[in-house]
PDB file of N, CA and C in Angstrom:
ATOM      1  N   UNK A   1      72.128 123.904  80.311  1.00  0.00           N
ATOM      2  CA  UNK A   1      71.117 124.177  79.299  1.00  0.00           C
ATOM      3  C   UNK A   1      71.216 125.656  78.907  1.00  0.00           C
ATOM      4  N   UNK A   2      70.932 125.930  77.637  1.00  0.00           N
ATOM      5  CA  UNK A   2      70.805 127.300  77.145  1.00  0.00           C
ATOM      6  C   UNK A   2      69.449 127.434  76.456  1.00  0.00           C
ATOM      7  N   UNK A   3      68.980 128.658  76.383  1.00  0.00           N
ATOM      8  CA  UNK A   3      67.695 128.939  75.745  1.00  0.00           C
ATOM      9  C   UNK A   3      67.905 129.990  74.668  1.00  0.00           C
ATOM     10  N   UNK A   4      67.441 129.673  73.481  1.00  0.00           N
ATOM     11  CA  UNK A   4      67.421 130.638  72.381  1.00  0.00           C
ATOM     12  C   UNK A   4      66.070 131.325  72.410  1.00  0.00           C
ATOM     13  N   UNK A   5      66.087 132.645  72.397  1.00  0.00           N
ATOM     14  CA  UNK A   5      64.860 133.414  72.229  1.00  0.00           C
ATOM     15  C   UNK A   5      65.051 134.248  70.968  1.00  0.00           C
ATOM     16  N   UNK A   6      64.210 133.975  69.986  1.00  0.00           N
ATOM     17  CA  UNK A   6      64.334 134.614  68.683  1.00  0.00           C
ATOM     18  C   UNK A   6      63.003 135.261  68.321  1.00  0.00           C
ATOM     19  N   UNK A   7      63.004 136.594  68.237  1.00  0.00           N
ATOM     20  CA  UNK A   7      61.797 137.327  67.847  1.00  0.00           C
ATOM     21  C   UNK A   7      61.784 137.477  66.327  1.00  0.00           C
ATOM     22  N   UNK A   8      60.633 137.192  65.736  1.00  0.00           N
ATOM     23  CA  UNK A   8      60.457 137.305  64.286  1.00  0.00           C
ATOM     24  C   UNK A   8      59.401 138.354  63.977  1.00  0.00           C
ATOM     25  N   UNK A   9      59.679 139.173  62.971  1.00  0.00           N
ATOM     26  CA  UNK A   9      58.674 140.052  62.394  1.00  0.00           C
ATOM     27  C   UNK A   9      58.517 139.619  60.942  1.00  0.00           C
ATOM     28  N   UNK A  10      57.355 139.105  60.630  1.00  0.00           N
ATOM     29  CA  UNK A  10      57.109 138.533  59.311  1.00  0.00           C
ATOM     30  C   UNK A  10      56.827 139.642  58.309  1.00  0.00           C
ATOM     31  N   UNK A  11      57.557 139.584  57.190  1.00  0.00           N
ATOM     32  CA  UNK A  11      57.403 140.564  56.123  1.00  0.00           C
ATOM     33  C   UNK A  11      56.741 139.957  54.892  1.00  0.00           C
ATOM     34  N   UNK A  12      56.598 138.643  54.881  1.00  0.00           N
ATOM     35  CA  UNK A  12      55.951 137.941  53.780  1.00  0.00           C
ATOM     36  C   UNK A  12      54.629 137.353  54.251  1.00  0.00           C
ATOM     37  N   UNK A  13      54.079 136.433  53.482  1.00  0.00           N
ATOM     38  CA  UNK A  13      52.815 135.803  53.873  1.00  0.00           C
ATOM     39  C   UNK A  13      52.976 135.008  55.182  1.00  0.00           C
ATOM     40  N   UNK A  14      52.097 135.261  56.133  1.00  0.00           N
ATOM     41  CA  UNK A  14      52.174 134.625  57.446  1.00  0.00           C
ATOM     42  C   UNK A  14      52.059 133.103  57.350  1.00  0.00           C
ATOM     43  N   UNK A  15      51.127 132.612  56.555  1.00  0.00           N
ATOM     44  CA  UNK A  15      50.947 131.164  56.426  1.00  0.00           C
ATOM     45  C   UNK A  15      52.208 130.505  55.871  1.00  0.00           C
ATOM     46  N   UNK A  16      52.865 131.150  54.933  1.00  0.00           N
ATOM     47  CA  UNK A  16      54.104 130.605  54.376  1.00  0.00           C
ATOM     48  C   UNK A  16      55.210 130.597  55.427  1.00  0.00           C
ATOM     49  N   UNK A  17      55.310 131.685  56.206  1.00  0.00           N
ATOM     50  CA  UNK A  17      56.300 131.716  57.286  1.00  0.00           C
ATOM     51  C   UNK A  17      56.069 130.550  58.241  1.00  0.00           C
ATOM     52  N   UNK A  18      54.830 130.303  58.622  1.00  0.00           N
ATOM     53  CA  UNK A  18      54.534 129.210  59.555  1.00  0.00           C
ATOM     54  C   UNK A  18      54.905 127.852  58.971  1.00  0.00           C
ATOM     55  N   UNK A  19      54.688 127.652  57.679  1.00  0.00           N
ATOM     56  CA  UNK A  19      55.080 126.387  57.023  1.00  0.00           C
ATOM     57  C   UNK A  19      56.600 126.240  57.011  1.00  0.00           C
ATOM     58  N   UNK A  20      57.303 127.305  56.638  1.00  0.00           N
ATOM     59  CA  UNK A  20      58.768 127.269  56.595  1.00  0.00           C
ATOM     60  C   UNK A  20      59.326 127.043  57.993  1.00  0.00           C
ATOM     61  N   UNK A  21      58.754 127.720  58.974  1.00  0.00           N
ATOM     62  CA  UNK A  21      59.234 127.549  60.336  1.00  0.00           C
ATOM     63  C   UNK A  21      59.011 126.119  60.821  1.00  0.00           C
ATOM     64  N   UNK A  22      57.890 125.528  60.463  1.00  0.00           N
ATOM     65  CA  UNK A  22      57.612 124.138  60.844  1.00  0.00           C
ATOM     66  C   UNK A  22      58.684 123.194  60.296  1.00  0.00           C
ATOM     67  N   UNK A  23      59.088 123.390  59.049  1.00  0.00           N
ATOM     68  CA  UNK A  23      60.156 122.560  58.459  1.00  0.00           C
ATOM     69  C   UNK A  23      61.479 122.800  59.185  1.00  0.00           C
ATOM     70  N   UNK A  24      61.767 124.054  59.525  1.00  0.00           N
ATOM     71  CA  UNK A  24      62.993 124.370  60.249  1.00  0.00           C
ATOM     72  C   UNK A  24      62.969 123.746  61.640  1.00  0.00           C
ATOM     73  N   UNK A  25      61.819 123.778  62.277  1.00  0.00           N
ATOM     74  CA  UNK A  25      61.665 123.165  63.592  1.00  0.00           C
ATOM     75  C   UNK A  25      61.958 121.666  63.531  1.00  0.00           C
ATOM     76  N   UNK A  26      61.451 120.998  62.518  1.00  0.00           N
ATOM     77  CA  UNK A  26      61.706 119.567  62.360  1.00  0.00           C
ATOM     78  C   UNK A  26      63.198 119.299  62.149  1.00  0.00           C
ATOM     79  N   UNK A  27      63.868 120.164  61.394  1.00  0.00           N
ATOM     80  CA  UNK A  27      65.312 120.034  61.188  1.00  0.00           C
ATOM     81  C   UNK A  27      66.037 120.104  62.525  1.00  0.00           C
ATOM     82  N   UNK A  28      65.745 121.138  63.325  1.00  0.00           N
ATOM     83  CA  UNK A  28      66.428 121.299  64.615  1.00  0.00           C
ATOM     84  C   UNK A  28      66.099 120.159  65.571  1.00  0.00           C
ATOM     85  N   UNK A  29      64.850 119.699  65.575  1.00  0.00           N
ATOM     86  CA  UNK A  29      64.443 118.627  66.487  1.00  0.00           C
ATOM     87  C   UNK A  29      65.238 117.346  66.264  1.00  0.00           C
ATOM     88  N   UNK A  30      65.772 117.172  65.075  1.00  0.00           N
ATOM     89  CA  UNK A  30      66.547 115.974  64.755  1.00  0.00           C
ATOM     90  C   UNK A  30      68.025 116.112  65.123  1.00  0.00           C
ATOM     91  N   UNK A  31      68.438 117.271  65.634  1.00  0.00           N
ATOM     92  CA  UNK A  31      69.859 117.511  65.926  1.00  0.00           C
ATOM     93  C   UNK A  31      70.205 117.114  67.362  1.00  0.00           C
ATOM     94  N   UNK A  32      71.416 116.587  67.546  1.00  0.00           N
ATOM     95  CA  UNK A  32      71.862 116.251  68.903  1.00  0.00           C
ATOM     96  C   UNK A  32      71.884 117.488  69.795  1.00  0.00           C
ATOM     97  N   UNK A  33      71.391 117.336  70.999  1.00  0.00           N
ATOM     98  CA  UNK A  33      71.395 118.427  71.960  1.00  0.00           C
ATOM     99  C   UNK A  33      70.115 119.241  71.999  1.00  0.00           C
ATOM    100  N   UNK A  34      69.250 119.061  71.005  1.00  0.00           N
ATOM    101  CA  UNK A  34      67.978 119.779  70.994  1.00  0.00           C
ATOM    102  C   UNK A  34      67.067 119.195  72.068  1.00  0.00           C
ATOM    103  N   UNK A  35      66.424 120.058  72.855  1.00  0.00           N
ATOM    104  CA  UNK A  35      65.517 119.586  73.904  1.00  0.00           C
ATOM    105  C   UNK A  35      64.065 119.836  73.511  1.00  0.00           C
ATOM    106  N   UNK A  36      63.729 121.088  73.219  1.00  0.00           N
ATOM    107  CA  UNK A  36      62.341 121.418  72.867  1.00  0.00           C
ATOM    108  C   UNK A  36      62.290 122.864  72.354  1.00  0.00           C
ATOM    109  N   UNK A  37      61.170 123.189  71.755  1.00  0.00           N
ATOM    110  CA  UNK A  37      60.947 124.589  71.378  1.00  0.00           C
ATOM    111  C   UNK A  37      59.453 124.878  71.323  1.00  0.00           C
ATOM    112  N   UNK A  38      59.152 126.150  71.406  1.00  0.00           N
ATOM    113  CA  UNK A  38      57.783 126.624  71.239  1.00  0.00           C
ATOM    114  C   UNK A  38      57.827 127.846  70.345  1.00  0.00           C
ATOM    115  N   UNK A  39      56.905 127.905  69.399  1.00  0.00           N
ATOM    116  CA  UNK A  39      56.725 129.102  68.584  1.00  0.00           C
ATOM    117  C   UNK A  39      55.471 129.790  69.099  1.00  0.00           C
ATOM    118  N   UNK A  40      55.626 131.035  69.505  1.00  0.00           N
ATOM    119  CA  UNK A  40      54.517 131.807  70.056  1.00  0.00           C
ATOM    120  C   UNK A  40      54.156 132.937  69.095  1.00  0.00           C
ATOM    121  N   UNK A  41      52.861 133.141  68.888  1.00  0.00           N
ATOM    122  CA  UNK A  41      52.388 134.239  68.036  1.00  0.00           C
ATOM    123  C   UNK A  41      51.812 135.322  68.943  1.00  0.00           C
ATOM    124  N   UNK A  42      52.215 136.560  68.696  1.00  0.00           N
ATOM    125  CA  UNK A  42      51.729 137.668  69.517  1.00  0.00           C
ATOM    126  C   UNK A  42      50.218 137.813  69.347  1.00  0.00           C
ATOM    127  N   UNK A  43      49.527 137.905  70.447  1.00  0.00           N
ATOM    128  CA  UNK A  43      48.074 138.059  70.451  1.00  0.00           C
ATOM    129  C   UNK A  43      47.693 139.428  69.908  1.00  0.00           C
ATOM    130  N   UNK A  44      46.787 139.425  68.950  1.00  0.00           N
ATOM    131  CA  UNK A  44      46.250 140.673  68.438  1.00  0.00           C
ATOM    132  C   UNK A  44      47.150 141.417  67.476  1.00  0.00           C
ATOM    133  N   UNK A  45      48.285 140.847  67.111  1.00  0.00           N
ATOM    134  CA  UNK A  45      49.179 141.538  66.184  1.00  0.00           C
ATOM    135  C   UNK A  45      49.794 140.513  65.225  1.00  0.00           C
ATOM    136  N   UNK A  46      49.178 140.364  64.081  1.00  0.00           N
ATOM    137  CA  UNK A  46      49.630 139.379  63.100  1.00  0.00           C
ATOM    138  C   UNK A  46      51.058 139.665  62.655  1.00  0.00           C
ATOM    139  N   UNK A  47      51.795 138.604  62.425  1.00  0.00           N
ATOM    140  CA  UNK A  47      53.134 138.740  61.877  1.00  0.00           C
ATOM    141  C   UNK A  47      54.245 138.874  62.904  1.00  0.00           C
ATOM    142  N   UNK A  48      53.924 138.757  64.190  1.00  0.00           N
ATOM    143  CA  UNK A  48      54.944 138.843  65.238  1.00  0.00           C
ATOM    144  C   UNK A  48      54.983 137.526  66.004  1.00  0.00           C
ATOM    145  N   UNK A  49      56.174 136.937  66.057  1.00  0.00           N
ATOM    146  CA  UNK A  49      56.361 135.628  66.679  1.00  0.00           C
ATOM    147  C   UNK A  49      57.592 135.638  67.577  1.00  0.00           C
ATOM    148  N   UNK A  50      57.605 134.695  68.510  1.00  0.00           N
ATOM    149  CA  UNK A  50      58.778 134.449  69.336  1.00  0.00           C
ATOM    150  C   UNK A  50      59.016 132.950  69.353  1.00  0.00           C
ATOM    151  N   UNK A  51      60.242 132.566  69.071  1.00  0.00           N
ATOM    152  CA  UNK A  51      60.666 131.175  69.173  1.00  0.00           C
ATOM    153  C   UNK A  51      61.471 131.039  70.458  1.00  0.00           C
ATOM    154  N   UNK A  52      61.088 130.091  71.308  1.00  0.00           N
ATOM    155  CA  UNK A  52      61.820 129.788  72.533  1.00  0.00           C
ATOM    156  C   UNK A  52      62.290 128.347  72.414  1.00  0.00           C
ATOM    157  N   UNK A  53      63.599 128.155  72.327  1.00  0.00           N
ATOM    158  CA  UNK A  53      64.163 126.816  72.111  1.00  0.00           C
ATOM    159  C   UNK A  53      65.195 126.503  73.178  1.00  0.00           C
ATOM    160  N   UNK A  54      65.088 125.323  73.761  1.00  0.00           N
ATOM    161  CA  UNK A  54      66.048 124.866  74.759  1.00  0.00           C
ATOM    162  C   UNK A  54      66.987 123.844  74.142  1.00  0.00           C
ATOM    163  N   UNK A  55      68.259 124.016  74.457  1.00  0.00           N
ATOM    164  CA  UNK A  55      69.319 123.125  73.988  1.00  0.00           C
ATOM    165  C   UNK A  55      70.140 122.668  75.186  1.00  0.00           C
ATOM    166  N   UNK A  56      70.730 121.485  75.062  1.00  0.00           N
ATOM    167  CA  UNK A  56      71.565 120.975  76.148  1.00  0.00           C
ATOM    168  C   UNK A  56      72.718 121.918  76.466  1.00  0.00           C
ATOM    169  N   UNK A  57      73.323 122.477  75.414  1.00  0.00           N
ATOM    170  CA  UNK A  57      74.458 123.388  75.607  1.00  0.00           C
ATOM    171  C   UNK A  57      74.642 124.236  74.354  1.00  0.00           C
ATOM    172  N   UNK A  58      75.430 125.276  74.479  1.00  0.00           N
ATOM    173  CA  UNK A  58      75.648 126.195  73.361  1.00  0.00           C
ATOM    174  C   UNK A  58      76.353 125.504  72.197  1.00  0.00           C
ATOM    175  N   UNK A  59      77.272 124.596  72.493  1.00  0.00           N
ATOM    176  CA  UNK A  59      78.005 123.902  71.431  1.00  0.00           C
ATOM    177  C   UNK A  59      77.064 123.109  70.529  1.00  0.00           C
ATOM    178  N   UNK A  60      76.077 122.438  71.112  1.00  0.00           N
ATOM    179  CA  UNK A  60      75.102 121.685  70.305  1.00  0.00           C
ATOM    180  C   UNK A  60      74.329 122.618  69.385  1.00  0.00           C
ATOM    181  N   UNK A  61      73.905 123.742  69.923  1.00  0.00           N
ATOM    182  CA  UNK A  61      73.172 124.722  69.124  1.00  0.00           C
ATOM    183  C   UNK A  61      74.038 125.239  67.973  1.00  0.00           C
ATOM    184  N   UNK A  62      75.265 125.619  68.276  1.00  0.00           N
ATOM    185  CA  UNK A  62      76.167 126.169  67.251  1.00  0.00           C
ATOM    186  C   UNK A  62      76.486 125.125  66.179  1.00  0.00           C
ATOM    187  N   UNK A  63      76.678 123.875  66.572  1.00  0.00           N
ATOM    188  CA  UNK A  63      76.930 122.813  65.578  1.00  0.00           C
ATOM    189  C   UNK A  63      75.766 122.679  64.608  1.00  0.00           C
ATOM    190  N   UNK A  64      74.546 122.766  65.126  1.00  0.00           N
ATOM    191  CA  UNK A  64      73.367 122.665  64.254  1.00  0.00           C
ATOM    192  C   UNK A  64      73.329 123.814  63.253  1.00  0.00           C
ATOM    193  N   UNK A  65      73.692 125.016  63.708  1.00  0.00           N
ATOM    194  CA  UNK A  65      73.706 126.169  62.802  1.00  0.00           C
ATOM    195  C   UNK A  65      74.762 126.039  61.708  1.00  0.00           C
ATOM    196  N   UNK A  66      75.840 125.333  62.000  1.00  0.00           N
ATOM    197  CA  UNK A  66      76.939 125.198  61.044  1.00  0.00           C
ATOM    198  C   UNK A  66      76.711 124.113  60.000  1.00  0.00           C
ATOM    199  N   UNK A  67      75.707 123.284  60.186  1.00  0.00           N
ATOM    200  CA  UNK A  67      75.435 122.227  59.213  1.00  0.00           C
ATOM    201  C   UNK A  67      75.022 122.834  57.873  1.00  0.00           C
ATOM    202  N   UNK A  68      75.578 122.324  56.772  1.00  0.00           N
ATOM    203  CA  UNK A  68      75.211 122.860  55.452  1.00  0.00           C
ATOM    204  C   UNK A  68      73.706 122.804  55.189  1.00  0.00           C
ATOM    205  N   UNK A  69      73.035 121.797  55.729  1.00  0.00           N
ATOM    206  CA  UNK A  69      71.601 121.643  55.514  1.00  0.00           C
ATOM    207  C   UNK A  69      70.795 122.796  56.107  1.00  0.00           C
ATOM    208  N   UNK A  70      71.352 123.486  57.109  1.00  0.00           N
ATOM    209  CA  UNK A  70      70.630 124.589  57.723  1.00  0.00           C
ATOM    210  C   UNK A  70      70.553 125.799  56.782  1.00  0.00           C
ATOM    211  N   UNK A  71      71.466 125.912  55.849  1.00  0.00           N
ATOM    212  CA  UNK A  71      71.514 127.064  54.943  1.00  0.00           C
ATOM    213  C   UNK A  71      70.200 127.338  54.235  1.00  0.00           C
ATOM    214  N   UNK A  72      69.549 126.305  53.742  1.00  0.00           N
ATOM    215  CA  UNK A  72      68.281 126.516  53.023  1.00  0.00           C
ATOM    216  C   UNK A  72      67.188 126.997  53.972  1.00  0.00           C
ATOM    217  N   UNK A  73      67.209 126.525  55.210  1.00  0.00           N
ATOM    218  CA  UNK A  73      66.228 126.990  56.203  1.00  0.00           C
ATOM    219  C   UNK A  73      66.451 128.474  56.520  1.00  0.00           C
ATOM    220  N   UNK A  74      67.704 128.834  56.732  1.00  0.00           N
ATOM    221  CA  UNK A  74      68.051 130.228  57.028  1.00  0.00           C
ATOM    222  C   UNK A  74      67.593 131.141  55.891  1.00  0.00           C
ATOM    223  N   UNK A  75      67.890 130.752  54.663  1.00  0.00           N
ATOM    224  CA  UNK A  75      67.525 131.556  53.498  1.00  0.00           C
ATOM    225  C   UNK A  75      66.016 131.727  53.392  1.00  0.00           C
ATOM    226  N   UNK A  76      65.285 130.635  53.594  1.00  0.00           N
ATOM    227  CA  UNK A  76      63.820 130.705  53.480  1.00  0.00           C
ATOM    228  C   UNK A  76      63.216 131.594  54.561  1.00  0.00           C
ATOM    229  N   UNK A  77      63.712 131.496  55.791  1.00  0.00           N
ATOM    230  CA  UNK A  77      63.185 132.338  56.865  1.00  0.00           C
ATOM    231  C   UNK A  77      63.520 133.809  56.644  1.00  0.00           C
ATOM    232  N   UNK A  78      64.727 134.077  56.193  1.00  0.00           N
ATOM    233  CA  UNK A  78      65.131 135.470  55.949  1.00  0.00           C
ATOM    234  C   UNK A  78      64.358 136.105  54.801  1.00  0.00           C
ATOM    235  N   UNK A  79      63.892 135.294  53.862  1.00  0.00           N
ATOM    236  CA  UNK A  79      63.098 135.827  52.756  1.00  0.00           C
ATOM    237  C   UNK A  79      61.705 136.252  53.219  1.00  0.00           C
ATOM    238  N   UNK A  80      61.270 135.729  54.366  1.00  0.00           N
ATOM    239  CA  UNK A  80      59.915 135.989  54.850  1.00  0.00           C
ATOM    240  C   UNK A  80      59.847 136.838  56.111  1.00  0.00           C
ATOM    241  N   UNK A  81      61.012 137.064  56.749  1.00  0.00           N
ATOM    242  CA  UNK A  81      60.968 137.734  58.054  1.00  0.00           C
ATOM    243  C   UNK A  81      62.317 138.335  58.422  1.00  0.00           C
ATOM    244  N   UNK A  82      62.280 139.192  59.427  1.00  0.00           N
ATOM    245  CA  UNK A  82      63.504 139.632  60.086  1.00  0.00           C
ATOM    246  C   UNK A  82      63.472 139.013  61.482  1.00  0.00           C
ATOM    247  N   UNK A  83      64.646 138.844  62.079  1.00  0.00           N
ATOM    248  CA  UNK A  83      64.662 138.197  63.386  1.00  0.00           C
ATOM    249  C   UNK A  83      65.727 138.812  64.286  1.00  0.00           C
ATOM    250  N   UNK A  84      65.587 138.539  65.569  1.00  0.00           N
ATOM    251  CA  UNK A  84      66.515 139.025  66.579  1.00  0.00           C
ATOM    252  C   UNK A  84      66.811 137.882  67.545  1.00  0.00           C
ATOM    253  N   UNK A  85      67.778 136.991  67.196  1.00  0.00           N
ATOM    254  CA  UNK A  85      68.072 135.840  68.046  1.00  0.00           C
ATOM    255  C   UNK A  85      69.090 136.178  69.143  1.00  0.00           C
ATOM    256  N   UNK A  86      68.859 135.633  70.328  1.00  0.00           N
ATOM    257  CA  UNK A  86      69.787 135.793  71.448  1.00  0.00           C
ATOM    258  C   UNK A  86      69.760 134.542  72.307  1.00  0.00           C
ATOM    259  N   UNK A  87      70.915 134.208  72.895  1.00  0.00           N
ATOM    260  CA  UNK A  87      71.019 133.059  73.795  1.00  0.00           C
ATOM    261  C   UNK A  87      70.950 133.525  75.238  1.00  0.00           C
ATOM    262  N   UNK A  88      70.284 132.718  76.066  1.00  0.00           N
ATOM    263  CA  UNK A  88      70.116 133.015  77.481  1.00  0.00           C
ATOM    264  C   UNK A  88      70.435 131.780  78.313  1.00  0.00           C
ATOM    265  N   UNK A  89      70.902 132.017  79.523  1.00  0.00           N
ATOM    266  CA  UNK A  89      71.130 130.949  80.487  1.00  0.00           C
ATOM    267  C   UNK A  89      70.002 131.007  81.509  1.00  0.00           C
ATOM    268  N   UNK A  90      69.240 129.933  81.657  1.00  0.00           N
ATOM    269  CA  UNK A  90      68.155 129.948  82.648  1.00  0.00           C
ATOM    270  C   UNK A  90      68.697 130.150  84.061  1.00  0.00           C
ATOM    271  N   UNK A  91      68.042 131.013  84.817  1.00  0.00           N
ATOM    272  CA  UNK A  91      68.457 131.296  86.191  1.00  0.00           C
ATOM    273  C   UNK A  91      67.421 130.866  87.213  1.00  0.00           C
ATOM    274  N   UNK A  92      66.139 130.969  86.880  1.00  0.00           N
ATOM    275  CA  UNK A  92      65.082 130.662  87.831  1.00  0.00           C
ATOM    276  C   UNK A  92      63.882 130.136  87.082  1.00  0.00           C
ATOM    277  N   UNK A  93      63.317 129.071  87.600  1.00  0.00           N
ATOM    278  CA  UNK A  93      62.068 128.535  87.058  1.00  0.00           C
ATOM    279  C   UNK A  93      61.221 128.094  88.236  1.00  0.00           C
ATOM    280  N   UNK A  94      59.961 128.450  88.209  1.00  0.00           N
ATOM    281  CA  UNK A  94      59.068 128.083  89.304  1.00  0.00           C
ATOM    282  C   UNK A  94      57.811 127.464  88.707  1.00  0.00           C
ATOM    283  N   UNK A  95      57.347 126.424  89.333  1.00  0.00           N
ATOM    284  CA  UNK A  95      56.096 125.778  88.945  1.00  0.00           C
ATOM    285  C   UNK A  95      55.221 125.721  90.185  1.00  0.00           C
ATOM    286  N   UNK A  96      53.912 125.558  90.005  1.00  0.00           N
ATOM    287  CA  UNK A  96      53.038 125.491  91.177  1.00  0.00           C
ATOM    288  C   UNK A  96      53.448 124.335  92.089  1.00  0.00           C
ATOM    289  N   UNK A  97      53.315 124.566  93.375  1.00  0.00           N
ATOM    290  CA  UNK A  97      53.670 123.489  94.317  1.00  0.00           C
ATOM    291  C   UNK A  97      52.451 122.702  94.745  1.00  0.00           C
TER     292      UNK A  97
END
């Protein structure tokens, strides 16, 4: 499994960014290898978000990015925000026992 962590700083209307992101989320959720994602909004600071998305493997994630249909999602998000995406490999997870 790999995890995408993508920080967004919204430069356009926040409500529009959330709508566009919701459509992008639905696009990714339909792709092979997608496991789950969460969009987090920074408390007390409007316009700052973090997307945490889990994928089965890096190849599945990269294939989804290469689909022509993703282009319109990328363009819409870039028109409303800047982002800093990075891939991570999970090393430790703990839950209450």
